[in-house]
């Protein structure tokens, strides 16, 4: 379930207050939680069905930021699985 909040601040302020690597400023009007991105083309498609615009002048750079974030998440999961497998080997 997605929580929605009404906040009356400038997006720059919200972005600096969040200080969270999951959030990406893709456009002057959008700050997106990358955990919800399911497709990255010239815009982001979110798992909620929403479409988030990407600043066209920086589309390659913004997409690369997302891809790097995604790679890090995959590496974290792989390490977690390796640790679990090693743990199971010790028990068995």
PDB file of N, CA and C in Angstrom:
ATOM      1  N   UNK A   1       0.841  -1.182   0.000  1.00  0.00           N
ATOM      2  CA  UNK A   1       0.000   0.000   0.000  1.00  0.00           C
ATOM      3  C   UNK A   1       0.885   1.244   0.000  1.00  0.00           C
ATOM      4  N   UNK A   2       0.559   2.187  -0.853  1.00  0.00           N
ATOM      5  CA  UNK A   2       1.329   3.417  -0.977  1.00  0.00           C
ATOM      6  C   UNK A   2       0.694   4.477  -0.092  1.00  0.00           C
ATOM      7  N   UNK A   3       1.518   5.122   0.711  1.00  0.00           N
ATOM      8  CA  UNK A   3       1.038   6.210   1.547  1.00  0.00           C
ATOM      9  C   UNK A   3       1.190   7.514   0.786  1.00  0.00           C
ATOM     10  N   UNK A   4       0.206   8.375   0.896  1.00  0.00           N
ATOM     11  CA  UNK A   4       0.264   9.685   0.243  1.00  0.00           C
ATOM     12  C   UNK A   4       0.221  10.757   1.318  1.00  0.00           C
ATOM     13  N   UNK A   5       1.062  11.761   1.107  1.00  0.00           N
ATOM     14  CA  UNK A   5       1.141  12.861   2.051  1.00  0.00           C
ATOM     15  C   UNK A   5       0.964  14.177   1.308  1.00  0.00           C
ATOM     16  N   UNK A   6       0.293  15.123   1.935  1.00  0.00           N
ATOM     17  CA  UNK A   6       0.213  16.482   1.419  1.00  0.00           C
ATOM     18  C   UNK A   6       1.221  17.316   2.193  1.00  0.00           C
ATOM     19  N   UNK A   7       2.217  17.816   1.496  1.00  0.00           N
ATOM     20  CA  UNK A   7       3.263  18.615   2.124  1.00  0.00           C
ATOM     21  C   UNK A   7       3.361  19.925   1.367  1.00  0.00           C
ATOM     22  N   UNK A   8       3.420  21.002   2.076  1.00  0.00           N
ATOM     23  CA  UNK A   8       3.477  22.310   1.445  1.00  0.00           C
ATOM     24  C   UNK A   8       4.853  22.928   1.663  1.00  0.00           C
ATOM     25  N   UNK A   9       5.808  22.464   0.859  1.00  0.00           N
ATOM     26  CA  UNK A   9       7.175  22.956   0.896  1.00  0.00           C
ATOM     27  C   UNK A   9       7.719  22.911  -0.519  1.00  0.00           C
ATOM     28  N   UNK A  10       8.824  23.591  -0.723  1.00  0.00           N
ATOM     29  CA  UNK A  10       9.503  23.497  -2.004  1.00  0.00           C
ATOM     30  C   UNK A  10      10.129  22.116  -2.113  1.00  0.00           C
ATOM     31  N   UNK A  11      10.137  21.586  -3.330  1.00  0.00           N
ATOM     32  CA  UNK A  11      10.673  20.248  -3.549  1.00  0.00           C
ATOM     33  C   UNK A  11      12.150  20.167  -3.165  1.00  0.00           C
ATOM     34  N   UNK A  12      12.888  21.238  -3.352  1.00  0.00           N
ATOM     35  CA  UNK A  12      14.298  21.272  -2.927  1.00  0.00           C
ATOM     36  C   UNK A  12      14.431  21.041  -1.426  1.00  0.00           C
ATOM     37  N   UNK A  13      13.528  21.635  -0.654  1.00  0.00           N
ATOM     38  CA  UNK A  13      13.552  21.467   0.800  1.00  0.00           C
ATOM     39  C   UNK A  13      13.250  20.025   1.189  1.00  0.00           C
ATOM     40  N   UNK A  14      12.241  19.460   0.558  1.00  0.00           N
ATOM     41  CA  UNK A  14      11.869  18.078   0.850  1.00  0.00           C
ATOM     42  C   UNK A  14      13.022  17.148   0.504  1.00  0.00           C
ATOM     43  N   UNK A  15      13.627  17.367  -0.653  1.00  0.00           N
ATOM     44  CA  UNK A  15      14.745  16.534  -1.097  1.00  0.00           C
ATOM     45  C   UNK A  15      15.896  16.570  -0.100  1.00  0.00           C
ATOM     46  N   UNK A  16      16.246  17.750   0.383  1.00  0.00           N
ATOM     47  CA  UNK A  16      17.360  17.848   1.335  1.00  0.00           C
ATOM     48  C   UNK A  16      16.987  17.272   2.703  1.00  0.00           C
ATOM     49  N   UNK A  17      15.734  17.381   3.102  1.00  0.00           N
ATOM     50  CA  UNK A  17      15.300  16.823   4.381  1.00  0.00           C
ATOM     51  C   UNK A  17      15.264  15.295   4.341  1.00  0.00           C
ATOM     52  N   UNK A  18      14.900  14.724   3.200  1.00  0.00           N
ATOM     53  CA  UNK A  18      14.858  13.266   3.072  1.00  0.00           C
ATOM     54  C   UNK A  18      16.254  12.682   3.184  1.00  0.00           C
ATOM     55  N   UNK A  19      17.191  13.267   2.447  1.00  0.00           N
ATOM     56  CA  UNK A  19      18.579  12.801   2.485  1.00  0.00           C
ATOM     57  C   UNK A  19      18.646  11.276   2.424  1.00  0.00           C
ATOM     58  N   UNK A  20      17.989  10.711   1.427  1.00  0.00           N
ATOM     59  CA  UNK A  20      17.834   9.269   1.291  1.00  0.00           C
ATOM     60  C   UNK A  20      18.203   8.884  -0.140  1.00  0.00           C
ATOM     61  N   UNK A  21      19.093   7.925  -0.292  1.00  0.00           N
ATOM     62  CA  UNK A  21      19.583   7.554  -1.626  1.00  0.00           C
ATOM     63  C   UNK A  21      18.514   6.913  -2.501  1.00  0.00           C
ATOM     64  N   UNK A  22      17.391   6.538  -1.927  1.00  0.00           N
ATOM     65  CA  UNK A  22      16.305   5.950  -2.726  1.00  0.00           C
ATOM     66  C   UNK A  22      15.585   6.983  -3.572  1.00  0.00           C
ATOM     67  N   UNK A  23      15.704   8.253  -3.212  1.00  0.00           N
ATOM     68  CA  UNK A  23      14.957   9.294  -3.896  1.00  0.00           C
ATOM     69  C   UNK A  23      15.816   9.993  -4.940  1.00  0.00           C
ATOM     70  N   UNK A  24      15.224  10.171  -6.125  1.00  0.00           N
ATOM     71  CA  UNK A  24      15.913  10.752  -7.268  1.00  0.00           C
ATOM     72  C   UNK A  24      15.102  11.914  -7.801  1.00  0.00           C
ATOM     73  N   UNK A  25      15.770  13.024  -8.035  1.00  0.00           N
ATOM     74  CA  UNK A  25      15.111  14.192  -8.634  1.00  0.00           C
ATOM     75  C   UNK A  25      15.177  14.018 -10.142  1.00  0.00           C
ATOM     76  N   UNK A  26      14.096  13.564 -10.742  1.00  0.00           N
ATOM     77  CA  UNK A  26      14.085  13.264 -12.172  1.00  0.00           C
ATOM     78  C   UNK A  26      13.641  14.448 -13.027  1.00  0.00           C
ATOM     79  N   UNK A  27      13.034  15.428 -12.382  1.00  0.00           N
ATOM     80  CA  UNK A  27      12.465  16.567 -13.093  1.00  0.00           C
ATOM     81  C   UNK A  27      12.237  17.652 -12.045  1.00  0.00           C
ATOM     82  N   UNK A  28      12.098  18.890 -12.476  1.00  0.00           N
ATOM     83  CA  UNK A  28      11.896  19.956 -11.489  1.00  0.00           C
ATOM     84  C   UNK A  28      10.630  19.750 -10.667  1.00  0.00           C
ATOM     85  N   UNK A  29       9.691  18.963 -11.187  1.00  0.00           N
ATOM     86  CA  UNK A  29       8.425  18.735 -10.498  1.00  0.00           C
ATOM     87  C   UNK A  29       8.308  17.364  -9.855  1.00  0.00           C
ATOM     88  N   UNK A  30       9.361  16.532  -9.955  1.00  0.00           N
ATOM     89  CA  UNK A  30       9.256  15.160  -9.467  1.00  0.00           C
ATOM     90  C   UNK A  30      10.457  14.740  -8.628  1.00  0.00           C
ATOM     91  N   UNK A  31      10.152  14.120  -7.522  1.00  0.00           N
ATOM     92  CA  UNK A  31      11.124  13.450  -6.668  1.00  0.00           C
ATOM     93  C   UNK A  31      10.578  12.038  -6.507  1.00  0.00           C
ATOM     94  N   UNK A  32      11.290  11.048  -7.043  1.00  0.00           N
ATOM     95  CA  UNK A  32      10.731   9.699  -7.135  1.00  0.00           C
ATOM     96  C   UNK A  32      11.507   8.721  -6.263  1.00  0.00           C
ATOM     97  N   UNK A  33      10.770   7.840  -5.583  1.00  0.00           N
ATOM     98  CA  UNK A  33      11.367   6.756  -4.819  1.00  0.00           C
ATOM     99  C   UNK A  33      11.695   5.649  -5.810  1.00  0.00           C
ATOM    100  N   UNK A  34      12.989   5.383  -6.016  1.00  0.00           N
ATOM    101  CA  UNK A  34      13.426   4.440  -7.041  1.00  0.00           C
ATOM    102  C   UNK A  34      12.994   3.009  -6.772  1.00  0.00           C
ATOM    103  N   UNK A  35      12.586   2.703  -5.557  1.00  0.00           N
ATOM    104  CA  UNK A  35      12.090   1.360  -5.256  1.00  0.00           C
ATOM    105  C   UNK A  35      10.797   1.047  -6.008  1.00  0.00           C
ATOM    106  N   UNK A  36      10.096   2.073  -6.482  1.00  0.00           N
ATOM    107  CA  UNK A  36       8.825   1.888  -7.162  1.00  0.00           C
ATOM    108  C   UNK A  36       8.939   1.927  -8.682  1.00  0.00           C
ATOM    109  N   UNK A  37      10.128   2.164  -9.211  1.00  0.00           N
ATOM    110  CA  UNK A  37      10.311   2.229 -10.664  1.00  0.00           C
ATOM    111  C   UNK A  37      10.348   0.808 -11.223  1.00  0.00           C
ATOM    112  N   UNK A  38       9.506   0.564 -12.221  1.00  0.00           N
ATOM    113  CA  UNK A  38       9.499  -0.751 -12.865  1.00  0.00           C
ATOM    114  C   UNK A  38      10.002  -0.685 -14.303  1.00  0.00           C
ATOM    115  N   UNK A  39      10.060   0.518 -14.867  1.00  0.00           N
ATOM    116  CA  UNK A  39      10.549   0.681 -16.227  1.00  0.00           C
ATOM    117  C   UNK A  39      11.179   2.054 -16.366  1.00  0.00           C
ATOM    118  N   UNK A  40      12.347   2.092 -17.019  1.00  0.00           N
ATOM    119  CA  UNK A  40      13.066   3.354 -17.196  1.00  0.00           C
ATOM    120  C   UNK A  40      13.365   3.553 -18.670  1.00  0.00           C
ATOM    121  N   UNK A  41      12.623   4.438 -19.283  1.00  0.00           N
ATOM    122  CA  UNK A  41      12.859   4.816 -20.671  1.00  0.00           C
ATOM    123  C   UNK A  41      13.094   6.316 -20.705  1.00  0.00           C
ATOM    124  N   UNK A  42      12.315   7.024 -21.512  1.00  0.00           N
ATOM    125  CA  UNK A  42      12.373   8.485 -21.511  1.00  0.00           C
ATOM    126  C   UNK A  42      11.562   9.060 -20.360  1.00  0.00           C
ATOM    127  N   UNK A  43      10.902   8.180 -19.631  1.00  0.00           N
ATOM    128  CA  UNK A  43      10.180   8.522 -18.404  1.00  0.00           C
ATOM    129  C   UNK A  43      10.179   7.276 -17.532  1.00  0.00           C
ATOM    130  N   UNK A  44       9.840   7.436 -16.271  1.00  0.00           N
ATOM    131  CA  UNK A  44       9.788   6.300 -15.360  1.00  0.00           C
ATOM    132  C   UNK A  44       8.350   5.821 -15.232  1.00  0.00           C
ATOM    133  N   UNK A  45       8.165   4.514 -15.330  1.00  0.00           N
ATOM    134  CA  UNK A  45       6.872   3.895 -15.051  1.00  0.00           C
ATOM    135  C   UNK A  45       6.963   3.320 -13.647  1.00  0.00           C
ATOM    136  N   UNK A  46       6.015   3.687 -12.792  1.00  0.00           N
ATOM    137  CA  UNK A  46       6.037   3.221 -11.408  1.00  0.00           C
ATOM    138  C   UNK A  46       5.099   2.039 -11.215  1.00  0.00           C
ATOM    139  N   UNK A  47       5.361   1.264 -10.189  1.00  0.00           N
ATOM    140  CA  UNK A  47       4.521   0.108  -9.878  1.00  0.00           C
ATOM    141  C   UNK A  47       3.107   0.531  -9.493  1.00  0.00           C
ATOM    142  N   UNK A  48       2.926   1.793  -9.170  1.00  0.00           N
ATOM    143  CA  UNK A  48       1.603   2.323  -8.819  1.00  0.00           C
ATOM    144  C   UNK A  48       0.777   2.649 -10.056  1.00  0.00           C
ATOM    145  N   UNK A  49       1.416   2.570 -11.235  1.00  0.00           N
ATOM    146  CA  UNK A  49       0.738   2.946 -12.476  1.00  0.00           C
ATOM    147  C   UNK A  49       1.044   4.368 -12.906  1.00  0.00           C
ATOM    148  N   UNK A  50       1.651   5.142 -12.025  1.00  0.00           N
ATOM    149  CA  UNK A  50       1.991   6.525 -12.348  1.00  0.00           C
ATOM    150  C   UNK A  50       3.176   6.581 -13.305  1.00  0.00           C
ATOM    151  N   UNK A  51       3.238   7.658 -14.060  1.00  0.00           N
ATOM    152  CA  UNK A  51       4.354   7.926 -14.952  1.00  0.00           C
ATOM    153  C   UNK A  51       5.040   9.184 -14.443  1.00  0.00           C
ATOM    154  N   UNK A  52       6.369   9.116 -14.319  1.00  0.00           N
ATOM    155  CA  UNK A  52       7.147  10.245 -13.814  1.00  0.00           C
ATOM    156  C   UNK A  52       8.066  10.728 -14.928  1.00  0.00           C
ATOM    157  N   UNK A  53       7.993  12.017 -15.189  1.00  0.00           N
ATOM    158  CA  UNK A  53       8.811  12.601 -16.242  1.00  0.00           C
ATOM    159  C   UNK A  53      10.287  12.631 -15.859  1.00  0.00           C
ATOM    160  N   UNK A  54      11.138  12.559 -16.871  1.00  0.00           N
ATOM    161  CA  UNK A  54      12.577  12.706 -16.699  1.00  0.00           C
ATOM    162  C   UNK A  54      12.995  13.953 -17.474  1.00  0.00           C
ATOM    163  N   UNK A  55      13.784  14.798 -16.835  1.00  0.00           N
ATOM    164  CA  UNK A  55      14.331  15.989 -17.472  1.00  0.00           C
ATOM    165  C   UNK A  55      15.048  15.568 -18.757  1.00  0.00           C
ATOM    166  N   UNK A  56      14.556  15.975 -19.893  1.00  0.00           N
ATOM    167  CA  UNK A  56      15.062  15.484 -21.171  1.00  0.00           C
ATOM    168  C   UNK A  56      16.524  15.858 -21.421  1.00  0.00           C
ATOM    169  N   UNK A  57      16.967  16.995 -20.923  1.00  0.00           N
ATOM    170  CA  UNK A  57      18.374  17.375 -21.107  1.00  0.00           C
ATOM    171  C   UNK A  57      19.311  16.464 -20.342  1.00  0.00           C
ATOM    172  N   UNK A  58      18.802  15.793 -19.311  1.00  0.00           N
ATOM    173  CA  UNK A  58      19.639  14.958 -18.447  1.00  0.00           C
ATOM    174  C   UNK A  58      19.145  13.514 -18.396  1.00  0.00           C
ATOM    175  N   UNK A  59      18.402  13.075 -19.412  1.00  0.00           N
ATOM    176  CA  UNK A  59      17.773  11.760 -19.368  1.00  0.00           C
ATOM    177  C   UNK A  59      18.814  10.646 -19.200  1.00  0.00           C
ATOM    178  N   UNK A  60      19.934  10.725 -19.896  1.00  0.00           N
ATOM    179  CA  UNK A  60      20.949   9.673 -19.796  1.00  0.00           C
ATOM    180  C   UNK A  60      21.550   9.621 -18.392  1.00  0.00           C
ATOM    181  N   UNK A  61      21.863  10.785 -17.849  1.00  0.00           N
ATOM    182  CA  UNK A  61      22.446  10.877 -16.509  1.00  0.00           C
ATOM    183  C   UNK A  61      21.478  10.383 -15.440  1.00  0.00           C
ATOM    184  N   UNK A  62      20.225  10.764 -15.544  1.00  0.00           N
ATOM    185  CA  UNK A  62      19.218  10.367 -14.556  1.00  0.00           C
ATOM    186  C   UNK A  62      18.951   8.866 -14.633  1.00  0.00           C
ATOM    187  N   UNK A  63      18.843   8.339 -15.852  1.00  0.00           N
ATOM    188  CA  UNK A  63      18.656   6.895 -16.012  1.00  0.00           C
ATOM    189  C   UNK A  63      19.848   6.131 -15.447  1.00  0.00           C
ATOM    190  N   UNK A  64      21.060   6.643 -15.675  1.00  0.00           N
ATOM    191  CA  UNK A  64      22.262   5.995 -15.141  1.00  0.00           C
ATOM    192  C   UNK A  64      22.271   5.995 -13.620  1.00  0.00           C
ATOM    193  N   UNK A  65      21.792   7.072 -12.998  1.00  0.00           N
ATOM    194  CA  UNK A  65      21.684   7.103 -11.534  1.00  0.00           C
ATOM    195  C   UNK A  65      20.753   5.996 -11.056  1.00  0.00           C
ATOM    196  N   UNK A  66      19.635   5.820 -11.756  1.00  0.00           N
ATOM    197  CA  UNK A  66      18.684   4.767 -11.399  1.00  0.00           C
ATOM    198  C   UNK A  66      19.320   3.389 -11.585  1.00  0.00           C
ATOM    199  N   UNK A  67      19.990   3.173 -12.708  1.00  0.00           N
ATOM    200  CA  UNK A  67      20.608   1.878 -12.977  1.00  0.00           C
ATOM    201  C   UNK A  67      21.679   1.549 -11.948  1.00  0.00           C
ATOM    202  N   UNK A  68      22.463   2.545 -11.553  1.00  0.00           N
ATOM    203  CA  UNK A  68      23.485   2.326 -10.529  1.00  0.00           C
ATOM    204  C   UNK A  68      22.832   1.953  -9.196  1.00  0.00           C
ATOM    205  N   UNK A  69      21.764   2.637  -8.830  1.00  0.00           N
ATOM    206  CA  UNK A  69      21.023   2.321  -7.609  1.00  0.00           C
ATOM    207  C   UNK A  69      20.513   0.882  -7.674  1.00  0.00           C
ATOM    208  N   UNK A  70      19.946   0.514  -8.818  1.00  0.00           N
ATOM    209  CA  UNK A  70      19.406  -0.828  -9.002  1.00  0.00           C
ATOM    210  C   UNK A  70      20.500  -1.885  -8.883  1.00  0.00           C
ATOM    211  N   UNK A  71      21.663  -1.622  -9.454  1.00  0.00           N
ATOM    212  CA  UNK A  71      22.800  -2.556  -9.349  1.00  0.00           C
ATOM    213  C   UNK A  71      23.193  -2.761  -7.892  1.00  0.00           C
ATOM    214  N   UNK A  72      23.219  -1.681  -7.132  1.00  0.00           N
ATOM    215  CA  UNK A  72      23.575  -1.784  -5.714  1.00  0.00           C
ATOM    216  C   UNK A  72      22.573  -2.630  -4.948  1.00  0.00           C
ATOM    217  N   UNK A  73      21.294  -2.476  -5.248  1.00  0.00           N
ATOM    218  CA  UNK A  73      20.255  -3.275  -4.592  1.00  0.00           C
ATOM    219  C   UNK A  73      20.459  -4.752  -4.921  1.00  0.00           C
ATOM    220  N   UNK A  74      20.739  -5.046  -6.184  1.00  0.00           N
ATOM    221  CA  UNK A  74      20.964  -6.434  -6.601  1.00  0.00           C
ATOM    222  C   UNK A  74      22.175  -7.016  -5.879  1.00  0.00           C
ATOM    223  N   UNK A  75      23.252  -6.246  -5.781  1.00  0.00           N
ATOM    224  CA  UNK A  75      24.453  -6.719  -5.094  1.00  0.00           C
ATOM    225  C   UNK A  75      24.185  -6.997  -3.614  1.00  0.00           C
ATOM    226  N   UNK A  76      23.400  -6.153  -2.991  1.00  0.00           N
ATOM    227  CA  UNK A  76      23.039  -6.363  -1.583  1.00  0.00           C
ATOM    228  C   UNK A  76      22.258  -7.665  -1.429  1.00  0.00           C
ATOM    229  N   UNK A  77      21.286  -7.909  -2.323  1.00  0.00           N
ATOM    230  CA  UNK A  77      20.499  -9.144  -2.265  1.00  0.00           C
ATOM    231  C   UNK A  77      21.362 -10.371  -2.521  1.00  0.00           C
ATOM    232  N   UNK A  78      22.262 -10.271  -3.490  1.00  0.00           N
ATOM    233  CA  UNK A  78      23.148 -11.399  -3.770  1.00  0.00           C
ATOM    234  C   UNK A  78      24.014 -11.736  -2.562  1.00  0.00           C
ATOM    235  N   UNK A  79      24.552 -10.713  -1.920  1.00  0.00           N
ATOM    236  CA  UNK A  79      25.374 -10.943  -0.738  1.00  0.00           C
ATOM    237  C   UNK A  79      24.548 -11.580   0.376  1.00  0.00           C
ATOM    238  N   UNK A  80      23.318 -11.126   0.529  1.00  0.00           N
ATOM    239  CA  UNK A  80      22.412 -11.693   1.522  1.00  0.00           C
ATOM    240  C   UNK A  80      22.188 -13.183   1.243  1.00  0.00           C
ATOM    241  N   UNK A  81      21.921 -13.518  -0.026  1.00  0.00           N
ATOM    242  CA  UNK A  81      21.681 -14.918  -0.391  1.00  0.00           C
ATOM    243  C   UNK A  81      22.929 -15.778  -0.187  1.00  0.00           C
ATOM    244  N   UNK A  82      24.079 -15.243  -0.536  1.00  0.00           N
ATOM    245  CA  UNK A  82      25.335 -15.973  -0.329  1.00  0.00           C
ATOM    246  C   UNK A  82      25.552 -16.244   1.153  1.00  0.00           C
ATOM    247  N   UNK A  83      25.324 -15.241   1.974  1.00  0.00           N
ATOM    248  CA  UNK A  83      25.472 -15.413   3.424  1.00  0.00           C
ATOM    249  C   UNK A  83      24.525 -16.489   3.955  1.00  0.00           C
ATOM    250  N   UNK A  84      23.279 -16.483   3.455  1.00  0.00           N
ATOM    251  CA  UNK A  84      22.305 -17.489   3.899  1.00  0.00           C
ATOM    252  C   UNK A  84      22.727 -18.886   3.459  1.00  0.00           C
ATOM    253  N   UNK A  85      23.208 -19.021   2.235  1.00  0.00           N
ATOM    254  CA  UNK A  85      23.662 -20.318   1.750  1.00  0.00           C
ATOM    255  C   UNK A  85      24.854 -20.819   2.562  1.00  0.00           C
ATOM    256  N   UNK A  86      25.781 -19.944   2.873  1.00  0.00           N
ATOM    257  CA  UNK A  86      26.934 -20.324   3.697  1.00  0.00           C
ATOM    258  C   UNK A  86      26.483 -20.749   5.086  1.00  0.00           C
ATOM    259  N   UNK A  87      25.511 -20.074   5.631  1.00  0.00           N
ATOM    260  CA  UNK A  87      24.961 -20.414   6.943  1.00  0.00           C
ATOM    261  C   UNK A  87      24.333 -21.810   6.908  1.00  0.00           C
ATOM    262  N   UNK A  88      23.588 -22.087   5.831  1.00  0.00           N
ATOM    263  CA  UNK A  88      22.949 -23.402   5.701  1.00  0.00           C
ATOM    264  C   UNK A  88      23.992 -24.513   5.560  1.00  0.00           C
ATOM    265  N   UNK A  89      25.081 -24.245   4.882  1.00  0.00           N
ATOM    266  CA  UNK A  89      26.149 -25.241   4.751  1.00  0.00           C
ATOM    267  C   UNK A  89      26.733 -25.592   6.108  1.00  0.00           C
ATOM    268  N   UNK A  90      26.864 -24.599   6.957  1.00  0.00           N
ATOM    269  CA  UNK A  90      27.420 -24.824   8.296  1.00  0.00           C
ATOM    270  C   UNK A  90      26.467 -25.699   9.113  1.00  0.00           C
ATOM    271  N   UNK A  91      25.177 -25.430   9.020  1.00  0.00           N
ATOM    272  CA  UNK A  91      24.186 -26.178   9.787  1.00  0.00           C
ATOM    273  C   UNK A  91      24.055 -27.607   9.279  1.00  0.00           C
ATOM    274  N   UNK A  92      24.079 -27.793   7.975  1.00  0.00           N
ATOM    275  CA  UNK A  92      23.897 -29.124   7.404  1.00  0.00           C
ATOM    276  C   UNK A  92      25.157 -29.920   7.601  1.00  0.00           C
TER     277      UNK A  92
END
